[in-house]
């Protein structure tokens, strides 16, 4: 049975754990159709991430790690501010970038520019393979290695990422049967 935790439950659960990595999708961003594949958060996105951060107040011994994209770094900053954690360094992790599931970064950009990214991802998550993408099992294994072998400096790490990374983590797990209806929203 699927159980979705509330943000409010996370500080208490993390306090009982040896180590916690909280993987969040970035907040609401500007359109990818504005000529950049590295858009910033909208004002609404910043406010939403700030609110999510406030629900994490009480989380202790926290570090931040983010994809090198502007929207993930801005999400981490807003969550940090909302949780009243003071100013922390945000370590960037290229292993967490939105292009890592693609054979080349251009494969992602071409699918977005061609308007077939949704179809491509549906095929990817239902079959484990799609043109220009690394096999889902290999991408999942690489993400698990990154999450388990990275030395995050603190007991708790908030990792701001992309929907495609969250999906790649969840899709192959047998403990949480994942379908496209579970596609994550912002933050």
Protein backbone atom coordinates (compact mmCIF):
# COMPACT_ATOMS: atom_id res chain seq x y z
CA UNK A 1 0.00 0.00 0.00
CA UNK A 2 1.32 3.43 -0.95
CA UNK A 3 1.75 5.96 1.82
CA UNK A 4 2.56 9.56 1.12
CA UNK A 5 4.23 11.39 3.97
CA UNK A 6 3.45 14.95 4.83
CA UNK A 7 6.36 17.39 4.95
CA UNK A 8 5.47 17.91 8.62
CA UNK A 9 6.39 14.28 9.42
CA UNK A 10 9.88 14.48 7.96
CA UNK A 11 11.77 16.21 10.84
CA UNK A 12 10.48 13.64 13.35
CA UNK A 13 11.31 10.67 11.08
CA UNK A 14 14.74 12.10 10.27
CA UNK A 15 15.51 12.52 13.99
CA UNK A 16 15.03 8.75 14.40
CA UNK A 17 17.26 7.88 11.41
CA UNK A 18 21.02 7.52 11.18
CA UNK A 19 21.10 9.41 7.90
CA UNK A 20 18.40 10.97 5.73
CA UNK A 21 18.47 12.23 2.17
CA UNK A 22 15.32 14.09 1.22
CA UNK A 23 15.07 14.31 -2.57
CA UNK A 24 12.82 17.13 -3.77
CA UNK A 25 11.87 18.21 -7.24
CA UNK A 26 12.55 21.89 -7.88
CA UNK A 27 9.70 24.33 -7.43
CA UNK A 28 7.64 26.04 -10.13
CA UNK A 29 9.90 27.35 -12.88
CA UNK A 30 9.59 29.64 -15.85
CA UNK A 31 8.62 27.97 -19.12
CA UNK A 32 11.18 25.95 -21.01
CA UNK A 33 9.81 27.61 -24.14
CA UNK A 34 11.40 30.96 -23.31
CA UNK A 35 14.65 30.09 -25.10
CA UNK A 36 16.55 28.56 -22.18
CA UNK A 37 16.75 25.09 -20.71
CA UNK A 38 17.96 26.58 -17.44
CA UNK A 39 15.00 28.76 -16.38
CA UNK A 40 14.65 30.37 -12.97
CA UNK A 41 11.85 29.90 -10.47
CA UNK A 42 8.77 32.03 -10.81
CA UNK A 43 7.73 34.23 -7.87
CA UNK A 44 5.02 31.65 -7.16
CA UNK A 45 7.67 28.92 -7.24
CA UNK A 46 9.87 30.73 -4.75
CA UNK A 47 6.89 31.30 -2.41
CA UNK A 48 5.86 27.65 -2.72
CA UNK A 49 9.37 26.38 -1.91
CA UNK A 50 9.52 28.81 1.02
CA UNK A 51 6.26 27.35 2.36
CA UNK A 52 7.53 23.78 1.92
CA UNK A 53 10.66 24.77 3.82
CA UNK A 54 8.56 26.11 6.70
CA UNK A 55 7.03 22.64 7.03
CA UNK A 56 10.54 21.25 7.55
CA UNK A 57 11.29 23.57 10.48
CA UNK A 58 12.89 21.55 13.25
CA UNK A 59 15.03 19.46 10.92
CA UNK A 60 18.52 19.50 12.42
CA UNK A 61 22.07 18.98 11.16
CA UNK A 62 21.15 19.77 7.55
CA UNK A 63 23.20 20.25 4.39
CA UNK A 64 21.97 21.05 0.89
CA UNK A 65 22.92 19.51 -2.42
CA UNK A 66 21.42 20.49 -5.77
CA UNK A 67 21.60 19.89 -9.46
CA UNK A 68 23.68 22.66 -11.04
CA UNK A 69 20.50 24.14 -12.60
CA UNK A 70 19.32 27.60 -11.43
CA UNK A 71 15.85 26.33 -10.47
CA UNK A 72 17.18 23.62 -8.15
CA UNK A 73 19.63 25.97 -6.44
CA UNK A 74 16.89 28.60 -6.00
CA UNK A 75 14.57 25.92 -4.59
CA UNK A 76 17.24 24.90 -2.07
CA UNK A 77 17.71 28.55 -1.06
CA UNK A 78 13.97 29.04 -0.53
CA UNK A 79 13.57 25.77 1.42
CA UNK A 80 16.55 26.76 3.59
CA UNK A 81 15.02 30.17 4.26
CA UNK A 82 11.55 28.74 4.96
CA UNK A 83 12.94 26.16 7.40
CA UNK A 84 14.89 28.96 9.13
CA UNK A 85 18.13 27.02 8.84
CA UNK A 86 20.34 30.06 8.39
CA UNK A 87 22.64 30.41 5.41
CA UNK A 88 24.18 27.07 4.39
CA UNK A 89 26.42 26.24 1.48
CA UNK A 90 24.67 24.45 -1.36
CA UNK A 91 26.86 21.81 -2.91
CA UNK A 92 26.13 21.20 -6.58
CA UNK A 93 26.13 17.69 -7.99
CA UNK A 94 26.38 17.20 -11.76
CA UNK A 95 25.34 13.55 -11.13
CA UNK A 96 21.92 14.98 -10.27
CA UNK A 97 21.44 17.09 -13.42
CA UNK A 98 18.32 16.62 -15.57
CA UNK A 99 20.36 15.42 -18.55
CA UNK A 100 22.02 12.41 -16.84
CA UNK A 101 19.39 9.95 -18.11
CA UNK A 102 20.11 10.89 -21.69
CA UNK A 103 22.95 9.60 -23.83
CA UNK A 104 23.87 13.24 -24.54
CA UNK A 105 22.45 16.52 -23.17
CA UNK A 106 21.33 17.31 -26.73
CA UNK A 107 18.98 14.30 -26.63
CA UNK A 108 17.00 15.99 -23.85
CA UNK A 109 17.05 19.38 -25.56
CA UNK A 110 15.93 17.85 -28.88
CA UNK A 111 13.01 16.03 -27.23
CA UNK A 112 11.90 19.26 -25.53
CA UNK A 113 12.30 21.34 -28.70
CA UNK A 114 10.47 18.70 -30.76
CA UNK A 115 7.57 18.58 -28.31
CA UNK A 116 7.76 14.84 -27.78
CA UNK A 117 9.36 14.71 -24.31
CA UNK A 118 6.09 13.50 -22.70
CA UNK A 119 5.71 10.63 -25.16
CA UNK A 120 9.38 9.73 -24.77
CA UNK A 121 9.16 9.65 -20.96
CA UNK A 122 5.96 7.58 -21.03
CA UNK A 123 7.75 5.00 -23.18
CA UNK A 124 10.82 5.17 -20.92
CA UNK A 125 8.94 4.56 -17.68
CA UNK A 126 6.71 1.84 -19.10
CA UNK A 127 9.40 -0.13 -20.99
CA UNK A 128 12.67 1.00 -19.38
CA UNK A 129 14.04 2.15 -22.74
CA UNK A 130 13.59 5.06 -25.15
CA UNK A 131 15.54 6.59 -28.01
CA UNK A 132 18.47 8.69 -26.80
CA UNK A 133 18.05 7.59 -23.18
CA UNK A 134 20.22 5.38 -21.00
CA UNK A 135 18.49 2.15 -19.92
CA UNK A 136 16.27 2.83 -16.88
CA UNK A 137 17.89 0.07 -14.80
CA UNK A 138 21.34 1.56 -15.44
CA UNK A 139 20.12 5.10 -14.64
CA UNK A 140 18.45 3.86 -11.45
CA UNK A 141 21.61 2.01 -10.38
CA UNK A 142 23.74 5.12 -11.03
CA UNK A 143 21.37 7.27 -8.96
CA UNK A 144 21.37 4.75 -6.09
CA UNK A 145 25.21 4.73 -6.18
CA UNK A 146 25.25 8.53 -6.07
CA UNK A 147 22.82 8.63 -3.13
CA UNK A 148 24.53 5.90 -1.12
CA UNK A 149 28.19 6.58 -1.89
CA UNK A 150 28.20 10.38 -1.66
CA UNK A 151 29.50 11.69 1.62
CA UNK A 152 26.94 14.33 2.54
CA UNK A 153 28.50 16.48 5.27
CA UNK A 154 25.59 16.36 7.68
CA UNK A 155 23.18 13.82 9.12
CA UNK A 156 20.36 15.12 6.95
CA UNK A 157 20.69 16.23 3.35
CA UNK A 158 18.08 18.03 1.30
CA UNK A 159 18.75 17.26 -2.35
CA UNK A 160 16.92 19.43 -4.86
CA UNK A 161 16.57 17.67 -8.14
CA UNK A 162 14.32 17.18 -11.18
CA UNK A 163 11.15 15.19 -11.76
CA UNK A 164 13.04 12.87 -14.10
CA UNK A 165 15.49 11.96 -11.30
CA UNK A 166 12.74 11.37 -8.75
CA UNK A 167 10.93 9.16 -11.27
CA UNK A 168 14.12 7.22 -12.01
CA UNK A 169 14.62 6.57 -8.32
CA UNK A 170 11.04 5.40 -7.71
CA UNK A 171 10.05 3.59 -10.92
CA UNK A 172 12.11 0.38 -10.45
CA UNK A 173 11.46 0.03 -6.70
CA UNK A 174 9.29 -2.93 -5.83
CA UNK A 175 8.49 -1.44 -2.43
CA UNK A 176 6.61 1.40 -4.09
CA UNK A 177 4.91 0.35 -7.31
CA UNK A 178 5.21 3.47 -9.40
CA UNK A 179 3.06 4.42 -12.38
CA UNK A 180 2.85 7.52 -14.53
CA UNK A 181 -0.17 8.63 -12.51
CA UNK A 182 2.30 9.13 -9.64
CA UNK A 183 4.28 11.73 -11.63
CA UNK A 184 5.56 14.22 -9.11
CA UNK A 185 4.54 17.84 -9.11
CA UNK A 186 6.71 20.76 -8.14
CA UNK A 187 8.59 20.42 -4.83
